[in-house]
Protein backbone atom coordinates (compact mmCIF):
# COMPACT_ATOMS: atom_id res chain seq x y z
CA MET A 1 -0.01 0.09 0.25
CA HIS A 2 1.50 3.56 -1.05
CA PRO A 3 1.75 5.61 1.90
CA ILE A 4 -0.38 8.03 0.63
CA ASP A 5 -3.41 5.63 0.75
CA LEU A 6 -2.35 4.89 4.68
CA GLU A 7 -2.32 8.50 5.29
CA LEU A 8 -5.98 8.83 3.61
CA GLN A 9 -7.26 6.10 5.30
CA HIS A 10 -5.92 7.20 8.49
CA LEU A 11 -7.53 10.55 7.94
CA GLU A 12 -11.11 8.74 7.05
CA GLU A 13 -10.52 7.10 10.70
CA LEU A 14 -10.12 10.36 12.11
CA TYR A 15 -12.76 11.91 10.46
CA ASP A 16 -15.15 8.69 11.57
CA LYS A 17 -13.72 9.82 15.41
CA LEU A 18 -14.67 13.60 15.01
CA GLU A 19 -17.95 13.17 13.85
CA ILE A 20 -18.70 10.25 16.86
CA GLN A 21 -17.57 13.07 18.96
CA LEU A 22 -19.15 15.67 17.76
CA GLU A 23 -22.61 13.94 17.79
CA LYS A 24 -21.99 13.07 21.41
CA GLN A 25 -21.33 16.47 21.91
CA TYR A 26 -24.44 17.95 20.48
CA GLN A 27 -26.53 15.14 22.53
CA ASP A 28 -24.54 16.85 25.47
CA LEU A 29 -25.60 20.24 24.60
CA LYS A 30 -29.23 18.98 23.72
CA ALA A 31 -29.27 17.64 27.76
CA ARG A 32 -27.27 20.62 28.98
CA ARG A 33 -24.16 19.06 29.82
CA LEU A 34 -21.43 20.96 29.58
CA PRO A 35 -17.87 18.55 28.71
CA GLY A 36 -15.67 17.69 31.47
CA PRO A 37 -12.02 18.41 31.23
CA ASP A 38 -11.16 14.90 29.74
CA GLU A 39 -13.34 15.23 27.04
CA GLU A 40 -12.04 18.77 25.81
CA ARG A 41 -8.34 17.27 26.13
CA GLN A 42 -9.67 14.46 23.59
CA ALA A 43 -11.44 16.84 21.83
CA ALA A 44 -8.04 19.05 21.15
CA THR A 45 -6.23 16.07 20.82
CA LEU A 46 -7.89 14.63 18.13
CA GLY A 47 -8.03 17.95 16.18
CA GLN A 48 -4.16 18.21 16.48
CA GLN A 49 -4.25 14.67 14.67
CA THR A 50 -6.73 15.33 12.43
CA ILE A 51 -4.94 18.88 11.30
CA ALA A 52 -1.26 16.77 11.24
CA ALA A 53 -3.13 14.40 9.02
CA GLU A 54 -4.25 16.75 6.54
CA LYS A 55 -0.39 18.60 6.55
CA ARG A 56 0.95 14.96 5.67
CA ILE A 57 -1.34 14.37 2.79
CA ALA A 58 -0.53 17.77 1.68
CA CYS A 59 2.99 17.33 1.38
CA PHE A 60 2.49 13.45 0.12
CA MET A 61 0.33 15.43 -2.45
CA ARG A 62 3.43 18.06 -3.21
CA ASP A 63 5.68 14.93 -3.71
CA LEU A 64 3.49 12.90 -6.20
CA GLU A 65 3.17 15.98 -8.39
CA ALA A 66 6.80 16.45 -8.42
CA ASP A 67 7.17 12.81 -9.85
CA PRO A 68 4.55 12.93 -12.86
CA GLU A 69 4.43 9.01 -13.69
CA THR A 70 3.80 7.82 -10.07
CA PHE A 71 1.36 10.49 -9.80
CA ALA A 72 -0.15 9.66 -13.18
CA SER A 73 -0.73 5.71 -12.07
CA CYS A 74 -2.22 7.02 -8.96
CA ARG A 75 -4.08 10.01 -9.53
CA SER A 76 -7.66 9.01 -10.21
CA LYS A 77 -7.55 6.65 -7.20
CA VAL A 78 -6.31 9.60 -5.15
CA ALA A 79 -8.51 11.83 -6.46
CA SER A 80 -11.31 10.00 -5.79
CA ARG A 81 -10.26 9.42 -2.28
CA ALA A 82 -9.79 13.34 -1.81
CA ALA A 83 -13.22 14.15 -3.16
CA LEU A 84 -14.84 12.14 -0.84
CA LEU A 85 -12.39 13.60 2.33
CA ARG A 86 -13.86 16.71 1.20
CA ALA A 87 -17.11 16.08 1.32
CA ARG A 88 -16.50 14.33 4.91
CA ALA A 89 -14.66 17.55 6.02
CA ARG A 90 -17.59 20.04 5.14
CA HIS A 91 -19.66 17.33 6.67
CA VAL A 92 -17.56 17.68 10.27
CA LEU A 93 -17.59 21.79 9.39
CA ALA A 94 -21.67 21.47 9.36
CA LEU A 95 -21.48 19.91 12.34
CA ILE A 96 -18.97 22.07 14.27
CA GLU A 97 -21.52 24.83 13.10
CA ARG A 98 -24.39 23.18 14.12
CA ASN A 99 -22.66 22.48 18.07
CA ALA A 100 -21.46 25.88 17.83
CA ALA A 101 -25.10 27.31 17.15
CA GLY A 102 -26.28 24.88 19.93
CA LEU A 103 -23.70 26.30 22.72
CA GLY A 104 -24.78 29.35 21.72
CA GLN A 105 -28.30 28.92 22.94
CA LEU A 106 -27.22 27.07 26.04
CA ARG A 107 -25.08 30.29 26.99
CA SER A 108 -28.15 33.08 26.03
CA ALA A 109 -30.47 30.80 28.36
CA ALA A 110 -27.99 30.39 30.76
CA ARG A 111 -27.85 33.98 30.94
CA GLU A 112 -31.11 34.62 30.87
CA SER A 113 -31.32 32.27 33.78
CA LEU A 114 -28.69 34.57 35.37
CA ARG A 115 -30.89 37.54 35.03
CA GLN A 116 -33.95 36.62 36.72
CA LEU A 117 -32.40 34.82 39.55
CA HIS A 118 -30.57 38.40 39.57
CA VAL A 119 -33.76 40.13 39.51
CA GLY A 120 -35.29 37.89 42.23
CA GLY A 121 -32.44 38.60 44.22
CA GLN A 122 -32.93 42.60 43.73
CA PHE A 123 -36.79 41.78 44.83
CA LEU A 124 -35.51 39.84 48.21
CA GLN A 125 -33.21 42.95 49.31
CA SER A 126 -35.75 45.12 48.47
CA VAL A 127 -38.35 43.17 50.65
CA ARG A 128 -35.68 42.63 53.13
CA GLY A 129 -36.45 45.61 55.92
CA TYR A 130 -40.12 44.64 55.92
CA ARG A 131 -39.72 41.42 56.33
CA GLU A 132 -37.52 41.74 59.46
CA VAL A 133 -39.81 44.12 61.52
CA ARG A 134 -42.65 41.80 60.82
CA PRO A 135 -43.56 39.85 63.73
CA LYS A 136 -42.83 35.91 62.31
CA PHE A 137 -45.71 34.35 63.87
CA ILE A 138 -49.07 36.00 63.80
CA ASP A 139 -51.50 35.21 67.32
CA ALA A 140 -55.34 34.66 66.17
CA ARG A 141 -56.16 35.52 69.57
CA GLN A 142 -54.96 39.06 69.48
């Protein structure tokens, strides 16, 4: 197997892992659960691996284009796999945009909840003096 085939296969596996991770992240966002530190580390590692694999493939492609006879023999196969990978990359980007929108909605809901909590706290502070001078128990016999 040619090294570029191995790199393309590795990138396909990374895209599979990214899609699974992004789907899990979306389900967590729908459940209003934010990722933990371990999940964030795993996501960062996976992102770095994907970027590194894409860079290696770009280097292989430059090397192949420099050697016309080798490039001619594997051009169609590499071109079709590259087209599929571009489509997968667009799909991963769409998932990232969807998750970003979900995170934005979660943040705005959290801000609204904090605002309501703040308004409630202000109300309690405004009636504090009234509550302190009022008797705790009222005797019905009086």
